[in-house]
């Protein structure tokens, strides 16, 4: 029997499949489709200190093998997440979850983490320094190594929970950002967030998204994500969560061979609410197909020889 378990920053997961933040709500919404306890973990919808309505519509656009989004971190705010969303999820889901936190200043990150930190169901914080869909924050931290290091150092000083820094692909050298985060105490990094893109409406002759630009995700970005995971694996010693176009068990294995200790499934959830369930069910079959008995043993396997 194959072993699908992995270890992420000291916490064991029964399998490496995690729905990505922003594509799975707060988790409990999917209980009408299947028992979400089969998931390795859940990355909760991105949370800010204060409630946010998000960007104006339209904020979703389909592209070949991809989707553009400029949702803009719509969320009910950290207090509501702590007192309602997490409590609702805890009554259903019995594993540690990943709280995804965003901000527009270092103090914003601190405030949100301080509010959420008391919840025992949170196993990790995923610090999003890479959202391309908001102005004045997010991406501003993720494209500069010094800023990324500052956020990492500050958050590291206020929580004992593992912190995973979510990195932007919209940089010249993602390894520079990853190393800066590792040096300031990051327990892991997750990558990639969405690629900055645009779609123009030929009828109006204007950008289709109200925000003009948005984040590109889906199968089209997978080769970029695999390449960046591969590069970061060679640059840092902390665990990597691979993200970008994952839609099958084979995709999971590819990311893990590149260096990911776990993966997050994003756009696939928007297409098929059963996507993560199918990947988890197919994973043992894929492992047997490629002669893999223990999933954790293949992490970074593409770097050998």
C-alpha atoms as a PDB file:
ATOM      1  CA  UNK A   1       0.000   0.000   0.000  1.00  0.00           C
ATOM      2  CA  UNK A   2       1.400   3.389  -0.962  1.00  0.00           C
ATOM      3  CA  UNK A   3       2.024   6.148   1.582  1.00  0.00           C
ATOM      4  CA  UNK A   4       0.583   9.535   0.539  1.00  0.00           C
ATOM      5  CA  UNK A   5       1.463  11.346   3.784  1.00  0.00           C
ATOM      6  CA  UNK A   6       3.832  14.320   3.835  1.00  0.00           C
ATOM      7  CA  UNK A   7       5.223  16.722   6.426  1.00  0.00           C
ATOM      8  CA  UNK A   8       4.716  20.455   6.075  1.00  0.00           C
ATOM      9  CA  UNK A   9       6.737  22.595   8.472  1.00  0.00           C
ATOM     10  CA  UNK A  10       6.537  19.963  11.195  1.00  0.00           C
ATOM     11  CA  UNK A  11       2.855  19.096  10.770  1.00  0.00           C
ATOM     12  CA  UNK A  12       1.858  15.803   9.162  1.00  0.00           C
ATOM     13  CA  UNK A  13      -0.670  15.777   6.318  1.00  0.00           C
ATOM     14  CA  UNK A  14      -2.431  12.584   5.222  1.00  0.00           C
ATOM     15  CA  UNK A  15      -1.854  13.734   1.640  1.00  0.00           C
ATOM     16  CA  UNK A  16      -0.299  16.826   0.020  1.00  0.00           C
ATOM     17  CA  UNK A  17      -3.480  18.178  -1.627  1.00  0.00           C
ATOM     18  CA  UNK A  18      -4.660  21.561  -0.311  1.00  0.00           C
ATOM     19  CA  UNK A  19      -7.303  23.792  -1.936  1.00  0.00           C
ATOM     20  CA  UNK A  20      -5.661  27.150  -2.641  1.00  0.00           C
ATOM     21  CA  UNK A  21      -6.775  30.337  -0.931  1.00  0.00           C
ATOM     22  CA  UNK A  22      -9.516  32.179  -2.773  1.00  0.00           C
ATOM     23  CA  UNK A  23     -10.798  29.146  -4.658  1.00  0.00           C
ATOM     24  CA  UNK A  24     -12.427  27.174  -1.832  1.00  0.00           C
ATOM     25  CA  UNK A  25     -14.069  29.799   0.354  1.00  0.00           C
ATOM     26  CA  UNK A  26     -13.687  28.888   4.019  1.00  0.00           C
ATOM     27  CA  UNK A  27     -13.996  25.184   3.260  1.00  0.00           C
ATOM     28  CA  UNK A  28     -17.349  24.354   4.794  1.00  0.00           C
ATOM     29  CA  UNK A  29     -19.127  25.577   1.633  1.00  0.00           C
ATOM     30  CA  UNK A  30     -17.893  22.437  -0.142  1.00  0.00           C
ATOM     31  CA  UNK A  31     -19.368  19.960   2.362  1.00  0.00           C
ATOM     32  CA  UNK A  32     -22.442  19.582   0.161  1.00  0.00           C
ATOM     33  CA  UNK A  33     -20.202  17.981  -2.451  1.00  0.00           C
ATOM     34  CA  UNK A  34     -18.035  15.607  -0.374  1.00  0.00           C
ATOM     35  CA  UNK A  35     -16.428  14.978   3.019  1.00  0.00           C
ATOM     36  CA  UNK A  36     -13.741  17.658   3.096  1.00  0.00           C
ATOM     37  CA  UNK A  37     -11.833  15.734   5.790  1.00  0.00           C
ATOM     38  CA  UNK A  38     -10.121  13.852   2.962  1.00  0.00           C
ATOM     39  CA  UNK A  39      -8.140  17.024   2.165  1.00  0.00           C
ATOM     40  CA  UNK A  40      -4.562  17.347   3.399  1.00  0.00           C
ATOM     41  CA  UNK A  41      -5.456  20.819   4.657  1.00  0.00           C
ATOM     42  CA  UNK A  42      -7.379  23.900   3.482  1.00  0.00           C
ATOM     43  CA  UNK A  43      -5.913  27.312   2.678  1.00  0.00           C
ATOM     44  CA  UNK A  44      -8.649  29.690   3.791  1.00  0.00           C
ATOM     45  CA  UNK A  45      -9.876  32.638   1.787  1.00  0.00           C
ATOM     46  CA  UNK A  46      -7.435  35.540   2.018  1.00  0.00           C
ATOM     47  CA  UNK A  47      -8.135  37.595   5.138  1.00  0.00           C
ATOM     48  CA  UNK A  48      -7.336  41.221   5.920  1.00  0.00           C
ATOM     49  CA  UNK A  49      -7.633  43.126   9.183  1.00  0.00           C
ATOM     50  CA  UNK A  50     -10.762  44.996   8.020  1.00  0.00           C
ATOM     51  CA  UNK A  51     -13.609  43.685   5.827  1.00  0.00           C
ATOM     52  CA  UNK A  52     -13.146  44.286   2.096  1.00  0.00           C
ATOM     53  CA  UNK A  53     -15.737  44.355  -0.646  1.00  0.00           C
ATOM     54  CA  UNK A  54     -13.058  43.787  -3.258  1.00  0.00           C
ATOM     55  CA  UNK A  55     -12.685  45.275  -6.713  1.00  0.00           C
ATOM     56  CA  UNK A  56     -15.551  46.469  -8.927  1.00  0.00           C
ATOM     57  CA  UNK A  57     -16.994  44.092 -11.523  1.00  0.00           C
ATOM     58  CA  UNK A  58     -16.320  42.628 -13.992  1.00  0.00           C
ATOM     59  CA  UNK A  59     -13.477  40.917 -12.199  1.00  0.00           C
ATOM     60  CA  UNK A  60     -13.300  37.474 -13.834  1.00  0.00           C
ATOM     61  CA  UNK A  61     -12.331  36.767 -17.447  1.00  0.00           C
ATOM     62  CA  UNK A  62     -11.817  33.428 -19.184  1.00  0.00           C
ATOM     63  CA  UNK A  63      -8.684  32.869 -21.246  1.00  0.00           C
ATOM     64  CA  UNK A  64      -7.380  29.846 -23.172  1.00  0.00           C
ATOM     65  CA  UNK A  65      -6.418  27.217 -20.548  1.00  0.00           C
ATOM     66  CA  UNK A  66      -6.552  29.902 -17.852  1.00  0.00           C
ATOM     67  CA  UNK A  67      -8.641  32.464 -16.002  1.00  0.00           C
ATOM     68  CA  UNK A  68      -7.965  36.093 -15.119  1.00  0.00           C
ATOM     69  CA  UNK A  69      -9.238  37.357 -11.784  1.00  0.00           C
ATOM     70  CA  UNK A  70      -9.153  40.696 -10.017  1.00  0.00           C
ATOM     71  CA  UNK A  71     -11.378  39.879  -7.045  1.00  0.00           C
ATOM     72  CA  UNK A  72      -9.304  42.158  -4.844  1.00  0.00           C
ATOM     73  CA  UNK A  73      -9.229  40.237  -1.562  1.00  0.00           C
ATOM     74  CA  UNK A  74     -12.950  40.369  -0.843  1.00  0.00           C
ATOM     75  CA  UNK A  75     -13.381  39.024   2.692  1.00  0.00           C
ATOM     76  CA  UNK A  76     -15.358  39.670   5.901  1.00  0.00           C
ATOM     77  CA  UNK A  77     -12.336  40.769   7.968  1.00  0.00           C
ATOM     78  CA  UNK A  78     -10.245  38.982  10.572  1.00  0.00           C
ATOM     79  CA  UNK A  79     -12.701  39.317  13.482  1.00  0.00           C
ATOM     80  CA  UNK A  80     -15.529  37.734  11.492  1.00  0.00           C
ATOM     81  CA  UNK A  81     -13.229  34.981  10.247  1.00  0.00           C
ATOM     82  CA  UNK A  82     -12.168  34.200  13.813  1.00  0.00           C
ATOM     83  CA  UNK A  83     -15.626  34.322  15.385  1.00  0.00           C
ATOM     84  CA  UNK A  84     -17.734  32.770  12.628  1.00  0.00           C
ATOM     85  CA  UNK A  85     -15.899  31.254   9.654  1.00  0.00           C
ATOM     86  CA  UNK A  86     -13.310  29.334  11.662  1.00  0.00           C
ATOM     87  CA  UNK A  87     -15.842  28.179  14.252  1.00  0.00           C
ATOM     88  CA  UNK A  88     -18.168  26.935  11.516  1.00  0.00           C
ATOM     89  CA  UNK A  89     -15.323  25.106   9.784  1.00  0.00           C
ATOM     90  CA  UNK A  90     -14.048  23.605  13.044  1.00  0.00           C
ATOM     91  CA  UNK A  91     -17.376  21.859  13.602  1.00  0.00           C
ATOM     92  CA  UNK A  92     -16.873  20.014  10.294  1.00  0.00           C
ATOM     93  CA  UNK A  93     -13.174  19.799   9.476  1.00  0.00           C
ATOM     94  CA  UNK A  94     -10.941  18.040  11.987  1.00  0.00           C
ATOM     95  CA  UNK A  95      -7.471  18.881  10.668  1.00  0.00           C
ATOM     96  CA  UNK A  96      -5.264  21.984  10.998  1.00  0.00           C
ATOM     97  CA  UNK A  97      -5.953  24.686   8.402  1.00  0.00           C
ATOM     98  CA  UNK A  98      -3.860  27.380   6.729  1.00  0.00           C
ATOM     99  CA  UNK A  99      -4.899  30.966   7.429  1.00  0.00           C
ATOM    100  CA  UNK A 100      -4.023  33.162   4.447  1.00  0.00           C
ATOM    101  CA  UNK A 101      -3.361  36.757   5.536  1.00  0.00           C
ATOM    102  CA  UNK A 102      -2.932  39.886   3.399  1.00  0.00           C
ATOM    103  CA  UNK A 103      -2.285  43.524   4.181  1.00  0.00           C
ATOM    104  CA  UNK A 104      -1.545  46.995   2.858  1.00  0.00           C
ATOM    105  CA  UNK A 105       1.103  47.749   5.493  1.00  0.00           C
ATOM    106  CA  UNK A 106       3.238  45.759   7.887  1.00  0.00           C
ATOM    107  CA  UNK A 107       0.876  46.786  10.689  1.00  0.00           C
ATOM    108  CA  UNK A 108      -2.056  45.313   8.730  1.00  0.00           C
ATOM    109  CA  UNK A 109      -0.350  41.924   8.632  1.00  0.00           C
ATOM    110  CA  UNK A 110       0.443  42.155  12.338  1.00  0.00           C
ATOM    111  CA  UNK A 111      -3.133  43.060  13.271  1.00  0.00           C
ATOM    112  CA  UNK A 112      -4.697  40.242  11.240  1.00  0.00           C
ATOM    113  CA  UNK A 113      -2.260  37.619  12.517  1.00  0.00           C
ATOM    114  CA  UNK A 114      -2.735  38.754  16.117  1.00  0.00           C
ATOM    115  CA  UNK A 115      -6.511  38.372  15.784  1.00  0.00           C
ATOM    116  CA  UNK A 116      -6.376  34.926  14.170  1.00  0.00           C
ATOM    117  CA  UNK A 117      -3.456  33.591  16.198  1.00  0.00           C
ATOM    118  CA  UNK A 118      -5.625  32.480  19.109  1.00  0.00           C
ATOM    119  CA  UNK A 119      -7.536  29.917  17.040  1.00  0.00           C
ATOM    120  CA  UNK A 120      -6.173  26.458  17.762  1.00  0.00           C
ATOM    121  CA  UNK A 121      -7.422  25.081  14.432  1.00  0.00           C
ATOM    122  CA  UNK A 122      -4.925  27.220  12.523  1.00  0.00           C
ATOM    123  CA  UNK A 123      -1.831  25.139  11.896  1.00  0.00           C
ATOM    124  CA  UNK A 124       0.018  27.585   9.651  1.00  0.00           C
ATOM    125  CA  UNK A 125      -0.132  31.191   8.490  1.00  0.00           C
ATOM    126  CA  UNK A 126       0.282  31.755   4.767  1.00  0.00           C
ATOM    127  CA  UNK A 127       1.435  35.360   4.446  1.00  0.00           C
ATOM    128  CA  UNK A 128       0.342  36.670   1.076  1.00  0.00           C
ATOM    129  CA  UNK A 129       2.876  39.256  -0.076  1.00  0.00           C
ATOM    130  CA  UNK A 130       2.058  38.647  -3.726  1.00  0.00           C
ATOM    131  CA  UNK A 131      -1.510  39.612  -4.615  1.00  0.00           C
ATOM    132  CA  UNK A 132      -1.447  41.495  -7.955  1.00  0.00           C
ATOM    133  CA  UNK A 133      -5.064  42.675  -7.754  1.00  0.00           C
ATOM    134  CA  UNK A 134      -4.947  45.368  -5.072  1.00  0.00           C
ATOM    135  CA  UNK A 135      -3.380  48.804  -4.991  1.00  0.00           C
ATOM    136  CA  UNK A 136      -0.950  49.884  -2.282  1.00  0.00           C
ATOM    137  CA  UNK A 137      -0.212  46.456  -0.823  1.00  0.00           C
ATOM    138  CA  UNK A 138       0.304  42.785  -1.542  1.00  0.00           C
ATOM    139  CA  UNK A 139       2.455  42.845  -4.652  1.00  0.00           C
ATOM    140  CA  UNK A 140       4.428  45.845  -3.336  1.00  0.00           C
ATOM    141  CA  UNK A 141       5.855  43.585  -0.615  1.00  0.00           C
ATOM    142  CA  UNK A 142       6.355  40.533  -2.794  1.00  0.00           C
ATOM    143  CA  UNK A 143       8.470  42.094  -5.543  1.00  0.00           C
ATOM    144  CA  UNK A 144      11.135  43.545  -3.271  1.00  0.00           C
ATOM    145  CA  UNK A 145      13.435  41.336  -1.197  1.00  0.00           C
ATOM    146  CA  UNK A 146      13.899  43.934   1.534  1.00  0.00           C
ATOM    147  CA  UNK A 147      10.137  44.458   1.938  1.00  0.00           C
ATOM    148  CA  UNK A 148       9.493  40.712   1.869  1.00  0.00           C
ATOM    149  CA  UNK A 149      12.109  40.229   4.577  1.00  0.00           C
ATOM    150  CA  UNK A 150      10.555  42.957   6.721  1.00  0.00           C
ATOM    151  CA  UNK A 151       7.082  41.406   6.618  1.00  0.00           C
ATOM    152  CA  UNK A 152       8.533  37.973   7.352  1.00  0.00           C
ATOM    153  CA  UNK A 153      10.631  39.188  10.293  1.00  0.00           C
ATOM    154  CA  UNK A 154       7.743  41.143  11.809  1.00  0.00           C
ATOM    155  CA  UNK A 155       5.203  38.319  11.559  1.00  0.00           C
ATOM    156  CA  UNK A 156       7.770  35.789  12.793  1.00  0.00           C
ATOM    157  CA  UNK A 157       8.064  37.845  15.959  1.00  0.00           C
ATOM    158  CA  UNK A 158       4.371  37.661  16.891  1.00  0.00           C
ATOM    159  CA  UNK A 159       3.383  34.017  16.368  1.00  0.00           C
ATOM    160  CA  UNK A 160       4.761  30.598  17.231  1.00  0.00           C
ATOM    161  CA  UNK A 161       2.825  28.961  14.408  1.00  0.00           C
ATOM    162  CA  UNK A 162       4.707  28.091  11.202  1.00  0.00           C
ATOM    163  CA  UNK A 163       4.636  30.919   8.643  1.00  0.00           C
ATOM    164  CA  UNK A 164       4.648  30.236   4.917  1.00  0.00           C
ATOM    165  CA  UNK A 165       5.333  33.242   2.680  1.00  0.00           C
ATOM    166  CA  UNK A 166       3.359  33.263  -0.577  1.00  0.00           C
ATOM    167  CA  UNK A 167       5.629  34.482  -3.352  1.00  0.00           C
ATOM    168  CA  UNK A 168       4.936  36.406  -6.541  1.00  0.00           C
ATOM    169  CA  UNK A 169       6.072  35.199  -9.972  1.00  0.00           C
ATOM    170  CA  UNK A 170       6.059  38.811 -11.177  1.00  0.00           C
ATOM    171  CA  UNK A 171       9.739  39.293 -10.342  1.00  0.00           C
ATOM    172  CA  UNK A 172      13.080  38.979 -12.102  1.00  0.00           C
ATOM    173  CA  UNK A 173      14.513  36.457  -9.642  1.00  0.00           C
ATOM    174  CA  UNK A 174      12.119  34.636  -7.321  1.00  0.00           C
ATOM    175  CA  UNK A 175      14.994  32.899  -5.531  1.00  0.00           C
ATOM    176  CA  UNK A 176      16.204  36.254  -4.182  1.00  0.00           C
ATOM    177  CA  UNK A 177      12.824  36.832  -2.506  1.00  0.00           C
ATOM    178  CA  UNK A 178      12.688  33.255  -1.182  1.00  0.00           C
ATOM    179  CA  UNK A 179      16.154  33.505   0.360  1.00  0.00           C
ATOM    180  CA  UNK A 180      15.310  36.833   1.993  1.00  0.00           C
ATOM    181  CA  UNK A 181      12.220  35.298   3.602  1.00  0.00           C
ATOM    182  CA  UNK A 182      14.138  32.223   4.764  1.00  0.00           C
ATOM    183  CA  UNK A 183      16.813  34.426   6.342  1.00  0.00           C
ATOM    184  CA  UNK A 184      14.198  36.239   8.426  1.00  0.00           C
ATOM    185  CA  UNK A 185      12.556  33.121   9.823  1.00  0.00           C
ATOM    186  CA  UNK A 186      10.039  31.858   7.269  1.00  0.00           C
ATOM    187  CA  UNK A 187       9.200  28.203   7.899  1.00  0.00           C
ATOM    188  CA  UNK A 188       8.215  27.691   4.269  1.00  0.00           C
ATOM    189  CA  UNK A 189       7.295  29.405   1.017  1.00  0.00           C
ATOM    190  CA  UNK A 190       4.369  28.861  -1.341  1.00  0.00           C
ATOM    191  CA  UNK A 191       4.587  29.598  -5.053  1.00  0.00           C
ATOM    192  CA  UNK A 192       3.449  30.761  -7.386  1.00  0.00           C
ATOM    193  CA  UNK A 193       0.722  33.329  -6.990  1.00  0.00           C
ATOM    194  CA  UNK A 194      -0.915  34.514 -10.202  1.00  0.00           C
ATOM    195  CA  UNK A 195       0.872  36.089 -13.149  1.00  0.00           C
ATOM    196  CA  UNK A 196      -0.146  39.643 -13.971  1.00  0.00           C
ATOM    197  CA  UNK A 197      -2.237  39.729 -17.148  1.00  0.00           C
ATOM    198  CA  UNK A 198      -4.836  41.609 -19.157  1.00  0.00           C
ATOM    199  CA  UNK A 199      -7.645  40.896 -21.612  1.00  0.00           C
ATOM    200  CA  UNK A 200      -9.124  43.508 -23.950  1.00  0.00           C
ATOM    201  CA  UNK A 201     -12.772  43.466 -25.010  1.00  0.00           C
ATOM    202  CA  UNK A 202     -12.872  43.938 -28.777  1.00  0.00           C
ATOM    203  CA  UNK A 203     -16.425  45.332 -28.650  1.00  0.00           C
ATOM    204  CA  UNK A 204     -15.667  48.105 -26.163  1.00  0.00           C
ATOM    205  CA  UNK A 205     -12.010  48.316 -27.162  1.00  0.00           C
ATOM    206  CA  UNK A 206     -11.127  48.571 -23.469  1.00  0.00           C
ATOM    207  CA  UNK A 207      -9.684  46.191 -20.843  1.00  0.00           C
ATOM    208  CA  UNK A 208     -12.363  43.656 -19.932  1.00  0.00           C
ATOM    209  CA  UNK A 209     -11.641  43.756 -16.194  1.00  0.00           C
ATOM    210  CA  UNK A 210     -12.741  46.843 -14.290  1.00  0.00           C
ATOM    211  CA  UNK A 211      -9.356  46.760 -12.555  1.00  0.00           C
ATOM    212  CA  UNK A 212      -7.733  46.613 -16.039  1.00  0.00           C
ATOM    213  CA  UNK A 213      -5.238  43.933 -14.969  1.00  0.00           C
ATOM    214  CA  UNK A 214      -5.737  40.700 -13.093  1.00  0.00           C
ATOM    215  CA  UNK A 215      -4.009  37.534 -11.964  1.00  0.00           C
ATOM    216  CA  UNK A 216      -3.680  34.704 -14.499  1.00  0.00           C
ATOM    217  CA  UNK A 217      -4.078  31.163 -13.167  1.00  0.00           C
ATOM    218  CA  UNK A 218      -4.901  27.705 -14.499  1.00  0.00           C
ATOM    219  CA  UNK A 219      -3.089  25.071 -16.601  1.00  0.00           C
ATOM    220  CA  UNK A 220      -1.436  27.717 -18.796  1.00  0.00           C
ATOM    221  CA  UNK A 221       0.795  28.859 -15.909  1.00  0.00           C
ATOM    222  CA  UNK A 222       1.909  25.393 -14.763  1.00  0.00           C
ATOM    223  CA  UNK A 223       5.243  25.241 -16.649  1.00  0.00           C
ATOM    224  CA  UNK A 224       6.214  28.616 -15.161  1.00  0.00           C
ATOM    225  CA  UNK A 225       5.249  27.445 -11.679  1.00  0.00           C
ATOM    226  CA  UNK A 226       7.149  24.157 -11.986  1.00  0.00           C
ATOM    227  CA  UNK A 227      10.243  26.039 -13.159  1.00  0.00           C
ATOM    228  CA  UNK A 228      10.089  28.452 -10.227  1.00  0.00           C
ATOM    229  CA  UNK A 229       9.526  25.695  -7.662  1.00  0.00           C
ATOM    230  CA  UNK A 230      12.549  23.901  -9.122  1.00  0.00           C
ATOM    231  CA  UNK A 231      14.703  27.033  -8.822  1.00  0.00           C
ATOM    232  CA  UNK A 232      13.580  27.877  -5.286  1.00  0.00           C
ATOM    233  CA  UNK A 233      14.196  24.297  -4.121  1.00  0.00           C
ATOM    234  CA  UNK A 234      17.848  24.738  -5.069  1.00  0.00           C
ATOM    235  CA  UNK A 235      18.050  28.108  -3.312  1.00  0.00           C
ATOM    236  CA  UNK A 236      16.474  27.425   0.115  1.00  0.00           C
ATOM    237  CA  UNK A 237      16.248  24.631   2.669  1.00  0.00           C
ATOM    238  CA  UNK A 238      12.694  25.325   3.909  1.00  0.00           C
ATOM    239  CA  UNK A 239       9.641  23.447   2.571  1.00  0.00           C
ATOM    240  CA  UNK A 240       7.873  24.622  -0.577  1.00  0.00           C
ATOM    241  CA  UNK A 241       4.154  24.501  -1.338  1.00  0.00           C
ATOM    242  CA  UNK A 242       3.730  24.290  -5.110  1.00  0.00           C
ATOM    243  CA  UNK A 243       0.887  26.192  -6.769  1.00  0.00           C
ATOM    244  CA  UNK A 244      -0.051  26.814 -10.388  1.00  0.00           C
ATOM    245  CA  UNK A 245      -2.309  24.949 -12.789  1.00  0.00           C
ATOM    246  CA  UNK A 246      -2.550  21.705 -10.806  1.00  0.00           C
ATOM    247  CA  UNK A 247      -5.511  19.664 -12.040  1.00  0.00           C
ATOM    248  CA  UNK A 248      -4.453  16.005 -11.780  1.00  0.00           C
ATOM    249  CA  UNK A 249      -2.502  13.524  -9.689  1.00  0.00           C
ATOM    250  CA  UNK A 250       0.248  13.567 -12.308  1.00  0.00           C
ATOM    251  CA  UNK A 251       0.538  17.335 -11.808  1.00  0.00           C
ATOM    252  CA  UNK A 252       1.018  16.773  -8.067  1.00  0.00           C
ATOM    253  CA  UNK A 253       3.859  14.319  -8.701  1.00  0.00           C
ATOM    254  CA  UNK A 254       5.516  16.726 -11.145  1.00  0.00           C
ATOM    255  CA  UNK A 255       5.510  19.556  -8.603  1.00  0.00           C
ATOM    256  CA  UNK A 256       6.859  17.283  -5.879  1.00  0.00           C
ATOM    257  CA  UNK A 257       9.675  16.069  -8.092  1.00  0.00           C
ATOM    258  CA  UNK A 258      10.505  19.724  -8.729  1.00  0.00           C
ATOM    259  CA  UNK A 259      10.755  20.255  -4.973  1.00  0.00           C
ATOM    260  CA  UNK A 260       7.299  20.839  -3.464  1.00  0.00           C
ATOM    261  CA  UNK A 261       6.499  19.222  -0.118  1.00  0.00           C
ATOM    262  CA  UNK A 262       2.779  19.847  -0.695  1.00  0.00           C
ATOM    263  CA  UNK A 263       0.602  21.517  -3.327  1.00  0.00           C
ATOM    264  CA  UNK A 264      -2.340  23.884  -3.535  1.00  0.00           C
ATOM    265  CA  UNK A 265      -5.066  23.405  -6.134  1.00  0.00           C
ATOM    266  CA  UNK A 266      -6.596  26.673  -7.321  1.00  0.00           C
ATOM    267  CA  UNK A 267      -8.385  27.326 -10.607  1.00  0.00           C
ATOM    268  CA  UNK A 268      -9.394  23.654 -10.947  1.00  0.00           C
ATOM    269  CA  UNK A 269     -11.822  24.155  -8.042  1.00  0.00           C
ATOM    270  CA  UNK A 270     -13.594  26.884 -10.000  1.00  0.00           C
ATOM    271  CA  UNK A 271     -14.147  24.492 -12.893  1.00  0.00           C
ATOM    272  CA  UNK A 272     -15.031  21.366 -10.920  1.00  0.00           C
ATOM    273  CA  UNK A 273     -15.952  21.431  -7.207  1.00  0.00           C
ATOM    274  CA  UNK A 274     -14.830  17.791  -6.986  1.00  0.00           C
ATOM    275  CA  UNK A 275     -11.334  18.557  -8.353  1.00  0.00           C
ATOM    276  CA  UNK A 276      -9.416  18.012  -5.097  1.00  0.00           C
ATOM    277  CA  UNK A 277     -11.404  14.883  -4.277  1.00  0.00           C
ATOM    278  CA  UNK A 278     -10.597  13.364  -7.668  1.00  0.00           C
ATOM    279  CA  UNK A 279      -6.904  14.215  -7.367  1.00  0.00           C
ATOM    280  CA  UNK A 280      -6.686  12.613  -3.902  1.00  0.00           C
ATOM    281  CA  UNK A 281      -8.472   9.482  -5.102  1.00  0.00           C
ATOM    282  CA  UNK A 282      -6.229   9.239  -8.182  1.00  0.00           C
ATOM    283  CA  UNK A 283      -2.975   9.846  -6.317  1.00  0.00           C
ATOM    284  CA  UNK A 284      -2.365   6.227  -5.135  1.00  0.00           C
ATOM    285  CA  UNK A 285      -3.042   4.967  -8.666  1.00  0.00           C
ATOM    286  CA  UNK A 286      -0.607   7.474 -10.141  1.00  0.00           C
ATOM    287  CA  UNK A 287       2.016   6.528  -7.565  1.00  0.00           C
ATOM    288  CA  UNK A 288       1.689   2.841  -8.447  1.00  0.00           C
ATOM    289  CA  UNK A 289       1.888   3.683 -12.154  1.00  0.00           C
ATOM    290  CA  UNK A 290       5.256   5.412 -11.686  1.00  0.00           C
ATOM    291  CA  UNK A 291       6.622   3.004  -9.076  1.00  0.00           C
ATOM    292  CA  UNK A 292       6.358   5.394  -6.130  1.00  0.00           C
ATOM    293  CA  UNK A 293       5.704   3.825  -2.727  1.00  0.00           C
ATOM    294  CA  UNK A 294       6.323   6.766  -0.407  1.00  0.00           C
ATOM    295  CA  UNK A 295       5.309  10.216  -1.604  1.00  0.00           C
ATOM    296  CA  UNK A 296       7.587  12.156   0.721  1.00  0.00           C
ATOM    297  CA  UNK A 297      10.619  10.373  -0.710  1.00  0.00           C
ATOM    298  CA  UNK A 298      10.204  11.907  -4.174  1.00  0.00           C
ATOM    299  CA  UNK A 299      10.368  15.548  -3.018  1.00  0.00           C
ATOM    300  CA  UNK A 300      13.054  17.201  -5.127  1.00  0.00           C
ATOM    301  CA  UNK A 301      13.686  13.964  -7.004  1.00  0.00           C
ATOM    302  CA  UNK A 302      14.158  15.773 -10.321  1.00  0.00           C
ATOM    303  CA  UNK A 303      17.344  17.352  -8.893  1.00  0.00           C
ATOM    304  CA  UNK A 304      19.071  14.016  -8.392  1.00  0.00           C
ATOM    305  CA  UNK A 305      21.595  13.127 -11.049  1.00  0.00           C
END
